[in-house]
Amino acid sequence: MYEANGSEVSEFVLLGLFTFRPMQHFLFIFSTVFYVTIVLGNLLVMFTVYFDSRLHSPMYFLLANLSFIDMCLSTLAIPKMISDLCSGENTISFKGCVIQIFVLHILGGSEMVLLISMALDRYVAICKPLHYLTIMSPQMCTWLLVGSWVIGVIHSVVQLAFVAHLHFCGPNEIDSFYCDLPRFIKLACTDTYNLEFMITANSGFISMGTFFLLIFSYAFILVTVWKHSSGDLSKALSTLSAHLAVVVLFFGPCMFFYLWPIPTVPIDKFLAILDGLITPILNPAIYTLRNKDMKKAMKRIFSHFLILRKIF
């Protein structure tokens, strides 16, 4: 048998979300529809920002990159789950599982930093409007984007460094539809209590700390606006509520996965679906349905498309 990482386990069995066949059929249809919607919705946001010159601003630049990360996060696990539901083959190789964990934490770490960058963008736009274009210059936006990916890679490498020495010689069933560290390390043939603590400290507390930092930042922005101009408070609240919704949707499942001491499988699976299928749909919906500029830009692009279609 192929030995991966010095172990006897060459593949893992993903137990998925349901064993009841009719529920699997429903999940297959549900997941397929939602995944197609995720791809189309996020591609629409990215194309709209790219092709409409009126949206060439720091906020929309960061939003387009958020859509790209969300689409990648879903693509990392959902197509595999759909394929497993269709074929009945629910295994993943040892290397495939490790790669999935590695990419998952790159994308998660990058999105975390990107959300901080979006909070910085809103702070400068609302609290320092006269200096907005100077501070949030194209160079600054590029550095923020590069920094988010670099930090994501570093975070992922550190996570995998914790488990590089583990041996897997027996159990190989993961009670989920994708691989992630909390479930992965529990299958090791050694005592992983200290390792689980390190993983919690690295991912859980960083997620919680970043979450409260963002909440404090948005609260600070609202207080600043209220002190200087109470008339602009409703406008600022409308703008920031979309950002707050995205922050809660992203960090809520993360904090539960890594900080909740008692594993509760039904809630874990519900949050996994929320994280993989619901949140990537809600992000573009929240930003587009509540944003007049995005809706106008989409209408312009759609009108241009209809004109070109009539010509050709």
C-alpha atoms as a PDB file:
ATOM      1  CA  MET A   1       0.000   0.000   0.000  1.00  0.00           C
ATOM      2  CA  TYR A   2       1.146   3.545  -0.779  1.00  0.00           C
ATOM      3  CA  GLU A   3       2.614   5.190   2.278  1.00  0.00           C
ATOM      4  CA  ALA A   4       1.877   8.882   2.626  1.00  0.00           C
ATOM      5  CA  ASN A   5       3.777  10.914   5.169  1.00  0.00           C
ATOM      6  CA  GLY A   6       5.245   7.711   6.596  1.00  0.00           C
ATOM      7  CA  SER A   7       1.776   6.318   7.267  1.00  0.00           C
ATOM      8  CA  GLU A   8      -0.231   3.326   6.091  1.00  0.00           C
ATOM      9  CA  VAL A   9      -3.282   5.353   5.080  1.00  0.00           C
ATOM     10  CA  SER A  10      -3.333   6.174   1.375  1.00  0.00           C
ATOM     11  CA  GLU A  11      -6.828   7.616   1.149  1.00  0.00           C
ATOM     12  CA  PHE A  12      -9.659   8.967   3.274  1.00  0.00           C
ATOM     13  CA  VAL A  13     -13.372   8.260   3.098  1.00  0.00           C
ATOM     14  CA  LEU A  14     -15.543  11.380   3.116  1.00  0.00           C
ATOM     15  CA  LEU A  15     -18.799  10.425   4.841  1.00  0.00           C
ATOM     16  CA  GLY A  16     -20.568  13.467   3.429  1.00  0.00           C
ATOM     17  CA  LEU A  17     -23.645  15.103   4.887  1.00  0.00           C
ATOM     18  CA  PHE A  18     -26.312  12.398   4.561  1.00  0.00           C
ATOM     19  CA  THR A  19     -26.410   8.622   4.168  1.00  0.00           C
ATOM     20  CA  PHE A  20     -30.156   8.539   3.364  1.00  0.00           C
ATOM     21  CA  ARG A  21     -30.309   8.170  -0.441  1.00  0.00           C
ATOM     22  CA  PRO A  22     -33.333  10.457  -1.109  1.00  0.00           C
ATOM     23  CA  MET A  23     -31.602  13.210   0.893  1.00  0.00           C
ATOM     24  CA  GLN A  24     -28.463  12.662  -1.184  1.00  0.00           C
ATOM     25  CA  HIS A  25     -30.500  13.141  -4.365  1.00  0.00           C
ATOM     26  CA  PHE A  26     -31.945  16.371  -2.975  1.00  0.00           C
ATOM     27  CA  LEU A  27     -28.474  17.550  -1.907  1.00  0.00           C
ATOM     28  CA  PHE A  28     -27.107  16.777  -5.377  1.00  0.00           C
ATOM     29  CA  ILE A  29     -29.725  19.014  -7.046  1.00  0.00           C
ATOM     30  CA  PHE A  30     -29.445  21.685  -4.338  1.00  0.00           C
ATOM     31  CA  SER A  31     -25.638  21.780  -4.493  1.00  0.00           C
ATOM     32  CA  THR A  32     -25.517  21.825  -8.298  1.00  0.00           C
ATOM     33  CA  VAL A  33     -27.966  24.727  -8.566  1.00  0.00           C
ATOM     34  CA  PHE A  34     -26.245  26.709  -5.840  1.00  0.00           C
ATOM     35  CA  TYR A  35     -22.751  26.089  -7.194  1.00  0.00           C
ATOM     36  CA  VAL A  36     -23.722  27.245 -10.681  1.00  0.00           C
ATOM     37  CA  THR A  37     -25.308  30.324  -9.085  1.00  0.00           C
ATOM     38  CA  ILE A  38     -22.130  30.962  -7.070  1.00  0.00           C
ATOM     39  CA  VAL A  39     -19.916  30.826 -10.156  1.00  0.00           C
ATOM     40  CA  LEU A  40     -22.222  32.970 -12.294  1.00  0.00           C
ATOM     41  CA  GLY A  41     -22.915  35.485  -9.512  1.00  0.00           C
ATOM     42  CA  ASN A  42     -19.299  36.043  -8.595  1.00  0.00           C
ATOM     43  CA  LEU A  43     -18.190  36.105 -12.243  1.00  0.00           C
ATOM     44  CA  LEU A  44     -20.850  38.752 -12.850  1.00  0.00           C
ATOM     45  CA  VAL A  45     -19.427  40.893 -10.048  1.00  0.00           C
ATOM     46  CA  MET A  46     -15.858  40.489 -11.333  1.00  0.00           C
ATOM     47  CA  PHE A  47     -16.749  41.219 -14.973  1.00  0.00           C
ATOM     48  CA  THR A  48     -18.902  44.207 -14.011  1.00  0.00           C
ATOM     49  CA  VAL A  49     -16.081  45.759 -11.973  1.00  0.00           C
ATOM     50  CA  TYR A  50     -13.529  45.030 -14.707  1.00  0.00           C
ATOM     51  CA  PHE A  51     -15.503  46.298 -17.715  1.00  0.00           C
ATOM     52  CA  ASP A  52     -17.267  49.319 -16.167  1.00  0.00           C
ATOM     53  CA  SER A  53     -14.783  52.178 -15.778  1.00  0.00           C
ATOM     54  CA  ARG A  54     -17.053  53.913 -13.263  1.00  0.00           C
ATOM     55  CA  LEU A  55     -16.356  51.083 -10.818  1.00  0.00           C
ATOM     56  CA  HIS A  56     -12.579  51.377 -11.077  1.00  0.00           C
ATOM     57  CA  SER A  57     -12.205  52.417  -7.443  1.00  0.00           C
ATOM     58  CA  PRO A  58     -10.536  50.790  -4.401  1.00  0.00           C
ATOM     59  CA  MET A  59     -13.794  49.498  -2.900  1.00  0.00           C
ATOM     60  CA  TYR A  60     -14.868  47.674  -6.047  1.00  0.00           C
ATOM     61  CA  PHE A  61     -11.340  46.442  -6.722  1.00  0.00           C
ATOM     62  CA  LEU A  62     -11.366  44.745  -3.308  1.00  0.00           C
ATOM     63  CA  LEU A  63     -14.927  43.516  -3.831  1.00  0.00           C
ATOM     64  CA  ALA A  64     -14.001  41.843  -7.133  1.00  0.00           C
ATOM     65  CA  ASN A  65     -11.124  40.042  -5.429  1.00  0.00           C
ATOM     66  CA  LEU A  66     -13.447  38.957  -2.610  1.00  0.00           C
ATOM     67  CA  SER A  67     -15.748  37.438  -5.247  1.00  0.00           C
ATOM     68  CA  PHE A  68     -12.787  35.614  -6.786  1.00  0.00           C
ATOM     69  CA  ILE A  69     -11.769  34.104  -3.421  1.00  0.00           C
ATOM     70  CA  ASP A  70     -15.367  33.108  -2.624  1.00  0.00           C
ATOM     71  CA  MET A  71     -15.667  31.355  -5.978  1.00  0.00           C
ATOM     72  CA  CYS A  72     -12.380  29.525  -5.380  1.00  0.00           C
ATOM     73  CA  LEU A  73     -13.435  28.457  -1.873  1.00  0.00           C
ATOM     74  CA  SER A  74     -16.598  26.874  -3.227  1.00  0.00           C
ATOM     75  CA  THR A  75     -14.770  25.277  -6.153  1.00  0.00           C
ATOM     76  CA  LEU A  76     -12.321  23.675  -3.745  1.00  0.00           C
ATOM     77  CA  ALA A  77     -14.908  21.337  -2.212  1.00  0.00           C
ATOM     78  CA  ILE A  78     -18.363  21.594  -3.804  1.00  0.00           C
ATOM     79  CA  PRO A  79     -17.628  20.030  -7.254  1.00  0.00           C
ATOM     80  CA  LYS A  80     -15.986  17.082  -5.466  1.00  0.00           C
ATOM     81  CA  MET A  81     -19.077  16.675  -3.275  1.00  0.00           C
ATOM     82  CA  ILE A  82     -21.376  16.835  -6.322  1.00  0.00           C
ATOM     83  CA  SER A  83     -19.236  14.236  -8.102  1.00  0.00           C
ATOM     84  CA  ASP A  84     -19.305  11.953  -5.043  1.00  0.00           C
ATOM     85  CA  LEU A  85     -23.095  12.246  -4.761  1.00  0.00           C
ATOM     86  CA  CYS A  86     -23.443  11.360  -8.437  1.00  0.00           C
ATOM     87  CA  SER A  87     -20.964   8.480  -8.602  1.00  0.00           C
ATOM     88  CA  GLY A  88     -21.140   7.127  -5.059  1.00  0.00           C
ATOM     89  CA  GLU A  89     -17.320   7.258  -4.870  1.00  0.00           C
ATOM     90  CA  ASN A  90     -16.590   9.277  -1.742  1.00  0.00           C
ATOM     91  CA  THR A  91     -12.845   8.828  -1.270  1.00  0.00           C
ATOM     92  CA  ILE A  92      -9.988  11.300  -1.500  1.00  0.00           C
ATOM     93  CA  SER A  93      -6.279  10.472  -1.629  1.00  0.00           C
ATOM     94  CA  PHE A  94      -3.961  11.391   1.225  1.00  0.00           C
ATOM     95  CA  LYS A  95      -2.153  13.937  -0.958  1.00  0.00           C
ATOM     96  CA  GLY A  96      -5.464  15.269  -2.256  1.00  0.00           C
ATOM     97  CA  CYS A  97      -6.684  15.795   1.302  1.00  0.00           C
ATOM     98  CA  VAL A  98      -3.496  17.626   2.318  1.00  0.00           C
ATOM     99  CA  ILE A  99      -3.646  19.820  -0.814  1.00  0.00           C
ATOM    100  CA  GLN A 100      -7.284  20.646  -0.079  1.00  0.00           C
ATOM    101  CA  ILE A 101      -6.379  21.704   3.475  1.00  0.00           C
ATOM    102  CA  PHE A 102      -3.424  23.746   2.215  1.00  0.00           C
ATOM    103  CA  VAL A 103      -5.445  25.644  -0.403  1.00  0.00           C
ATOM    104  CA  LEU A 104      -8.393  26.064   1.961  1.00  0.00           C
ATOM    105  CA  HIS A 105      -6.236  27.869   4.515  1.00  0.00           C
ATOM    106  CA  ILE A 106      -4.545  29.994   1.852  1.00  0.00           C
ATOM    107  CA  LEU A 107      -7.938  31.192   0.640  1.00  0.00           C
ATOM    108  CA  GLY A 108      -9.323  31.576   4.165  1.00  0.00           C
ATOM    109  CA  GLY A 109      -6.304  33.553   5.362  1.00  0.00           C
ATOM    110  CA  SER A 110      -6.383  35.734   2.238  1.00  0.00           C
ATOM    111  CA  GLU A 111     -10.083  36.506   2.647  1.00  0.00           C
ATOM    112  CA  MET A 112      -9.521  37.387   6.288  1.00  0.00           C
ATOM    113  CA  VAL A 113      -6.901  39.998   5.361  1.00  0.00           C
ATOM    114  CA  LEU A 114      -9.018  41.197   2.436  1.00  0.00           C
ATOM    115  CA  LEU A 115     -11.942  41.877   4.777  1.00  0.00           C
ATOM    116  CA  ILE A 116      -9.592  43.935   6.966  1.00  0.00           C
ATOM    117  CA  SER A 117      -8.515  45.844   3.851  1.00  0.00           C
ATOM    118  CA  MET A 118     -12.158  46.528   3.000  1.00  0.00           C
ATOM    119  CA  ALA A 119     -12.721  47.866   6.521  1.00  0.00           C
ATOM    120  CA  LEU A 120      -9.696  50.151   6.080  1.00  0.00           C
ATOM    121  CA  ASP A 121     -11.101  51.329   2.759  1.00  0.00           C
ATOM    122  CA  ARG A 122     -14.462  52.220   4.335  1.00  0.00           C
ATOM    123  CA  TYR A 123     -12.758  53.984   7.246  1.00  0.00           C
ATOM    124  CA  VAL A 124     -10.727  56.205   4.912  1.00  0.00           C
ATOM    125  CA  ALA A 125     -13.705  56.821   2.602  1.00  0.00           C
ATOM    126  CA  ILE A 126     -16.060  57.840   5.421  1.00  0.00           C
ATOM    127  CA  CYS A 127     -13.737  59.418   7.990  1.00  0.00           C
ATOM    128  CA  LYS A 128     -11.068  60.947   5.711  1.00  0.00           C
ATOM    129  CA  PRO A 129     -12.856  61.557   2.387  1.00  0.00           C
ATOM    130  CA  LEU A 130     -10.526  64.341   1.266  1.00  0.00           C
ATOM    131  CA  HIS A 131      -7.509  62.030   1.525  1.00  0.00           C
ATOM    132  CA  TYR A 132      -9.254  58.932   0.173  1.00  0.00           C
ATOM    133  CA  LEU A 133      -7.692  58.781  -3.282  1.00  0.00           C
ATOM    134  CA  THR A 134      -4.270  59.636  -1.868  1.00  0.00           C
ATOM    135  CA  ILE A 135      -4.311  56.967   0.836  1.00  0.00           C
ATOM    136  CA  MET A 136      -6.161  54.273  -1.144  1.00  0.00           C
ATOM    137  CA  SER A 137      -4.039  54.710  -4.252  1.00  0.00           C
ATOM    138  CA  PRO A 138      -3.730  51.952  -6.898  1.00  0.00           C
ATOM    139  CA  GLN A 139      -0.320  51.091  -5.426  1.00  0.00           C
ATOM    140  CA  MET A 140      -1.816  50.733  -1.930  1.00  0.00           C
ATOM    141  CA  CYS A 141      -4.620  48.528  -3.246  1.00  0.00           C
ATOM    142  CA  THR A 142      -2.108  46.315  -5.033  1.00  0.00           C
ATOM    143  CA  TRP A 143      -0.003  45.985  -1.896  1.00  0.00           C
ATOM    144  CA  LEU A 144      -3.095  45.130   0.164  1.00  0.00           C
ATOM    145  CA  LEU A 145      -4.028  42.418  -2.319  1.00  0.00           C
ATOM    146  CA  VAL A 146      -0.491  40.986  -2.517  1.00  0.00           C
ATOM    147  CA  GLY A 147      -0.237  41.150   1.269  1.00  0.00           C
ATOM    148  CA  SER A 148      -3.483  39.197   1.689  1.00  0.00           C
ATOM    149  CA  TRP A 149      -2.183  36.345  -0.488  1.00  0.00           C
ATOM    150  CA  VAL A 150       1.245  36.318   1.158  1.00  0.00           C
ATOM    151  CA  ILE A 151      -0.298  36.165   4.634  1.00  0.00           C
ATOM    152  CA  GLY A 152      -2.671  33.447   3.444  1.00  0.00           C
ATOM    153  CA  VAL A 153       0.252  31.330   2.221  1.00  0.00           C
ATOM    154  CA  ILE A 154       2.224  31.881   5.442  1.00  0.00           C
ATOM    155  CA  HIS A 155      -0.813  30.964   7.542  1.00  0.00           C
ATOM    156  CA  SER A 156      -1.365  27.771   5.548  1.00  0.00           C
ATOM    157  CA  VAL A 157       2.301  26.734   5.706  1.00  0.00           C
ATOM    158  CA  VAL A 158       2.296  27.216   9.486  1.00  0.00           C
ATOM    159  CA  GLN A 159      -0.854  25.096   9.781  1.00  0.00           C
ATOM    160  CA  LEU A 160       0.629  22.234   7.784  1.00  0.00           C
ATOM    161  CA  ALA A 161       3.926  22.488   9.687  1.00  0.00           C
ATOM    162  CA  PHE A 162       2.002  21.456  12.796  1.00  0.00           C
ATOM    163  CA  VAL A 163       0.843  18.192  11.202  1.00  0.00           C
ATOM    164  CA  ALA A 164       3.877  17.305   9.060  1.00  0.00           C
ATOM    165  CA  HIS A 165       5.090  14.741  11.609  1.00  0.00           C
ATOM    166  CA  LEU A 166       1.752  12.961  12.135  1.00  0.00           C
ATOM    167  CA  HIS A 167       1.277   9.290  11.250  1.00  0.00           C
ATOM    168  CA  PHE A 168      -2.025   7.860  10.028  1.00  0.00           C
ATOM    169  CA  CYS A 169      -2.238   4.103  10.473  1.00  0.00           C
ATOM    170  CA  GLY A 170      -5.856   3.224  11.167  1.00  0.00           C
ATOM    171  CA  PRO A 171      -9.109   5.221  10.977  1.00  0.00           C
ATOM    172  CA  ASN A 172      -9.598   6.974   7.665  1.00  0.00           C
ATOM    173  CA  GLU A 173     -13.193   8.242   7.767  1.00  0.00           C
ATOM    174  CA  ILE A 174     -13.783  12.012   7.779  1.00  0.00           C
ATOM    175  CA  ASP A 175     -17.311  12.939   8.813  1.00  0.00           C
ATOM    176  CA  SER A 176     -17.708  15.725   6.278  1.00  0.00           C
ATOM    177  CA  PHE A 177     -17.623  16.348   2.522  1.00  0.00           C
ATOM    178  CA  TYR A 178     -14.167  17.964   2.553  1.00  0.00           C
ATOM    179  CA  CYS A 179     -10.877  17.804   4.457  1.00  0.00           C
ATOM    180  CA  ASP A 180      -9.991  20.290   7.167  1.00  0.00           C
ATOM    181  CA  LEU A 181      -7.511  20.212  10.022  1.00  0.00           C
ATOM    182  CA  PRO A 182      -9.817  19.635  13.041  1.00  0.00           C
ATOM    183  CA  ARG A 183     -11.190  16.423  11.513  1.00  0.00           C
ATOM    184  CA  PHE A 184      -7.917  15.476   9.820  1.00  0.00           C
ATOM    185  CA  ILE A 185      -5.715  15.475  12.928  1.00  0.00           C
ATOM    186  CA  LYS A 186      -8.239  13.462  14.964  1.00  0.00           C
ATOM    187  CA  LEU A 187      -7.447  10.478  12.710  1.00  0.00           C
ATOM    188  CA  ALA A 188      -3.743  10.471  13.613  1.00  0.00           C
ATOM    189  CA  CYS A 189      -2.361   7.513  15.536  1.00  0.00           C
ATOM    190  CA  THR A 190      -0.809   9.717  18.231  1.00  0.00           C
ATOM    191  CA  ASP A 191      -2.093  11.932  21.023  1.00  0.00           C
ATOM    192  CA  THR A 192      -3.056  15.188  19.330  1.00  0.00           C
ATOM    193  CA  TYR A 193      -4.298  17.180  22.345  1.00  0.00           C
ATOM    194  CA  ASN A 194      -1.397  19.649  22.282  1.00  0.00           C
ATOM    195  CA  LEU A 195      -1.571  19.857  18.512  1.00  0.00           C
ATOM    196  CA  GLU A 196      -5.293  20.634  18.616  1.00  0.00           C
ATOM    197  CA  PHE A 197      -4.514  23.435  21.062  1.00  0.00           C
ATOM    198  CA  MET A 198      -1.896  24.860  18.668  1.00  0.00           C
ATOM    199  CA  ILE A 199      -4.338  24.668  15.756  1.00  0.00           C
ATOM    200  CA  THR A 200      -6.959  26.422  17.876  1.00  0.00           C
ATOM    201  CA  ALA A 201      -4.492  29.128  18.842  1.00  0.00           C
ATOM    202  CA  ASN A 202      -3.381  29.634  15.237  1.00  0.00           C
ATOM    203  CA  SER A 203      -6.751  29.574  13.488  1.00  0.00           C
ATOM    204  CA  GLY A 204      -9.421  29.956  16.151  1.00  0.00           C
ATOM    205  CA  PHE A 205      -8.034  32.857  18.140  1.00  0.00           C
ATOM    206  CA  ILE A 206      -6.796  34.637  15.009  1.00  0.00           C
ATOM    207  CA  SER A 207     -10.307  34.356  13.546  1.00  0.00           C
ATOM    208  CA  MET A 208     -11.928  35.576  16.751  1.00  0.00           C
ATOM    209  CA  GLY A 209      -9.415  38.402  17.187  1.00  0.00           C
ATOM    210  CA  THR A 210      -9.860  39.563  13.598  1.00  0.00           C
ATOM    211  CA  PHE A 211     -13.642  39.344  13.910  1.00  0.00           C
ATOM    212  CA  PHE A 212     -13.767  41.582  16.988  1.00  0.00           C
ATOM    213  CA  LEU A 213     -11.212  43.934  15.444  1.00  0.00           C
ATOM    214  CA  LEU A 214     -13.476  44.379  12.427  1.00  0.00           C
ATOM    215  CA  ILE A 215     -16.586  44.838  14.575  1.00  0.00           C
ATOM    216  CA  PHE A 216     -14.739  47.455  16.661  1.00  0.00           C
ATOM    217  CA  SER A 217     -13.514  49.182  13.478  1.00  0.00           C
ATOM    218  CA  TYR A 218     -17.003  49.494  12.012  1.00  0.00           C
ATOM    219  CA  ALA A 219     -18.390  50.666  15.359  1.00  0.00           C
ATOM    220  CA  PHE A 220     -15.625  53.283  15.531  1.00  0.00           C
ATOM    221  CA  ILE A 221     -16.513  54.489  12.029  1.00  0.00           C
ATOM    222  CA  LEU A 222     -20.191  54.852  12.975  1.00  0.00           C
ATOM    223  CA  VAL A 223     -19.365  56.734  16.178  1.00  0.00           C
ATOM    224  CA  THR A 224     -17.035  59.054  14.252  1.00  0.00           C
ATOM    225  CA  VAL A 225     -19.730  59.783  11.671  1.00  0.00           C
ATOM    226  CA  TRP A 226     -22.349  60.336  14.385  1.00  0.00           C
ATOM    227  CA  LYS A 227     -20.141  62.840  16.207  1.00  0.00           C
ATOM    228  CA  HIS A 228     -19.320  64.866  13.109  1.00  0.00           C
ATOM    229  CA  SER A 229     -22.548  64.634  11.123  1.00  0.00           C
ATOM    230  CA  SER A 230     -25.563  62.785  12.445  1.00  0.00           C
ATOM    231  CA  GLY A 231     -27.296  63.295   9.094  1.00  0.00           C
ATOM    232  CA  ASP A 232     -24.780  61.017   7.383  1.00  0.00           C
ATOM    233  CA  LEU A 233     -25.213  58.255   9.978  1.00  0.00           C
ATOM    234  CA  SER A 234     -28.007  56.470   8.100  1.00  0.00           C
ATOM    235  CA  LYS A 235     -25.982  56.495   4.865  1.00  0.00           C
ATOM    236  CA  ALA A 236     -22.888  55.147   6.644  1.00  0.00           C
ATOM    237  CA  LEU A 237     -24.967  52.510   8.435  1.00  0.00           C
ATOM    238  CA  SER A 238     -26.477  51.396   5.142  1.00  0.00           C
ATOM    239  CA  THR A 239     -23.013  51.061   3.593  1.00  0.00           C
ATOM    240  CA  LEU A 240     -21.416  49.294   6.546  1.00  0.00           C
ATOM    241  CA  SER A 241     -24.299  46.907   7.208  1.00  0.00           C
ATOM    242  CA  ALA A 242     -23.404  45.020   4.012  1.00  0.00           C
ATOM    243  CA  HIS A 243     -19.778  44.729   5.159  1.00  0.00           C
ATOM    244  CA  LEU A 244     -20.859  43.608   8.638  1.00  0.00           C
ATOM    245  CA  ALA A 245     -23.124  40.924   7.168  1.00  0.00           C
ATOM    246  CA  VAL A 246     -20.237  39.507   5.120  1.00  0.00           C
ATOM    247  CA  VAL A 247     -17.927  39.586   8.165  1.00  0.00           C
ATOM    248  CA  VAL A 248     -20.426  37.679  10.320  1.00  0.00           C
ATOM    249  CA  LEU A 249     -21.084  35.108   7.573  1.00  0.00           C
ATOM    250  CA  PHE A 250     -17.368  34.478   7.080  1.00  0.00           C
ATOM    251  CA  PHE A 251     -16.120  34.456  10.670  1.00  0.00           C
ATOM    252  CA  GLY A 252     -19.120  32.799  12.336  1.00  0.00           C
ATOM    253  CA  PRO A 253     -18.458  29.277  10.975  1.00  0.00           C
ATOM    254  CA  CYS A 254     -14.666  29.719  11.340  1.00  0.00           C
ATOM    255  CA  MET A 255     -14.888  30.511  15.042  1.00  0.00           C
ATOM    256  CA  PHE A 256     -17.307  27.649  15.655  1.00  0.00           C
ATOM    257  CA  PHE A 257     -15.128  25.081  13.839  1.00  0.00           C
ATOM    258  CA  TYR A 258     -11.961  25.985  15.728  1.00  0.00           C
ATOM    259  CA  LEU A 259     -13.117  27.245  19.136  1.00  0.00           C
ATOM    260  CA  TRP A 260     -16.155  25.164  20.082  1.00  0.00           C
ATOM    261  CA  PRO A 261     -14.814  22.560  22.546  1.00  0.00           C
ATOM    262  CA  ILE A 262     -17.514  19.919  22.026  1.00  0.00           C
ATOM    263  CA  PRO A 263     -17.978  18.613  18.468  1.00  0.00           C
ATOM    264  CA  THR A 264     -21.631  18.726  17.396  1.00  0.00           C
ATOM    265  CA  VAL A 265     -21.892  16.966  14.055  1.00  0.00           C
ATOM    266  CA  PRO A 266     -25.302  18.324  12.893  1.00  0.00           C
ATOM    267  CA  ILE A 267     -24.255  21.934  13.536  1.00  0.00           C
ATOM    268  CA  ASP A 268     -20.823  21.292  11.991  1.00  0.00           C
ATOM    269  CA  LYS A 269     -22.438  20.026   8.815  1.00  0.00           C
ATOM    270  CA  PHE A 270     -24.958  22.861   8.669  1.00  0.00           C
ATOM    271  CA  LEU A 271     -22.166  25.423   9.042  1.00  0.00           C
ATOM    272  CA  ALA A 272     -20.106  23.600   6.401  1.00  0.00           C
ATOM    273  CA  ILE A 273     -22.997  24.010   3.946  1.00  0.00           C
ATOM    274  CA  LEU A 274     -23.402  27.643   5.042  1.00  0.00           C
ATOM    275  CA  ASP A 275     -19.695  28.288   4.498  1.00  0.00           C
ATOM    276  CA  GLY A 276     -19.426  26.436   1.188  1.00  0.00           C
ATOM    277  CA  LEU A 277     -22.734  27.167  -0.546  1.00  0.00           C
ATOM    278  CA  ILE A 278     -24.721  29.937   1.137  1.00  0.00           C
ATOM    279  CA  THR A 279     -22.102  32.561   2.011  1.00  0.00           C
ATOM    280  CA  PRO A 280     -20.484  32.691  -1.475  1.00  0.00           C
ATOM    281  CA  ILE A 281     -23.955  33.404  -2.909  1.00  0.00           C
ATOM    282  CA  LEU A 282     -24.914  35.973  -0.292  1.00  0.00           C
ATOM    283  CA  ASN A 283     -21.708  37.985  -0.659  1.00  0.00           C
ATOM    284  CA  PRO A 284     -22.350  39.132  -4.270  1.00  0.00           C
ATOM    285  CA  ALA A 285     -26.082  39.415  -3.536  1.00  0.00           C
ATOM    286  CA  ILE A 286     -25.491  41.648  -0.499  1.00  0.00           C
ATOM    287  CA  TYR A 287     -23.110  43.934  -2.328  1.00  0.00           C
ATOM    288  CA  THR A 288     -25.083  44.140  -5.574  1.00  0.00           C
ATOM    289  CA  LEU A 289     -28.667  44.342  -4.311  1.00  0.00           C
ATOM    290  CA  ARG A 290     -27.767  47.040  -1.770  1.00  0.00           C
ATOM    291  CA  ASN A 291     -25.464  48.984  -4.071  1.00  0.00           C
ATOM    292  CA  LYS A 292     -26.977  51.375  -6.612  1.00  0.00           C
ATOM    293  CA  ASP A 293     -23.714  51.815  -8.528  1.00  0.00           C
ATOM    294  CA  MET A 294     -23.337  48.060  -9.034  1.00  0.00           C
ATOM    295  CA  LYS A 295     -26.947  47.690 -10.192  1.00  0.00           C
ATOM    296  CA  LYS A 296     -26.583  50.572 -12.658  1.00  0.00           C
ATOM    297  CA  ALA A 297     -23.300  49.152 -13.956  1.00  0.00           C
ATOM    298  CA  MET A 298     -24.871  45.733 -14.492  1.00  0.00           C
ATOM    299  CA  LYS A 299     -27.753  47.326 -16.386  1.00  0.00           C
ATOM    300  CA  ARG A 300     -25.292  49.209 -18.614  1.00  0.00           C
ATOM    301  CA  ILE A 301     -23.310  46.050 -19.371  1.00  0.00           C
ATOM    302  CA  PHE A 302     -26.512  44.110 -20.072  1.00  0.00           C
ATOM    303  CA  SER A 303     -27.705  46.880 -22.414  1.00  0.00           C
ATOM    304  CA  HIS A 304     -24.377  46.855 -24.279  1.00  0.00           C
ATOM    305  CA  PHE A 305     -24.616  43.085 -24.574  1.00  0.00           C
ATOM    306  CA  LEU A 306     -28.104  43.306 -26.085  1.00  0.00           C
ATOM    307  CA  ILE A 307     -26.943  45.951 -28.560  1.00  0.00           C
ATOM    308  CA  LEU A 308     -23.965  43.830 -29.653  1.00  0.00           C
ATOM    309  CA  ARG A 309     -26.215  40.800 -29.979  1.00  0.00           C
ATOM    310  CA  LYS A 310     -28.565  42.700 -32.303  1.00  0.00           C
ATOM    311  CA  ILE A 311     -25.628  43.889 -34.420  1.00  0.00           C
ATOM    312  CA  PHE A 312     -24.073  40.440 -34.836  1.00  0.00           C
END
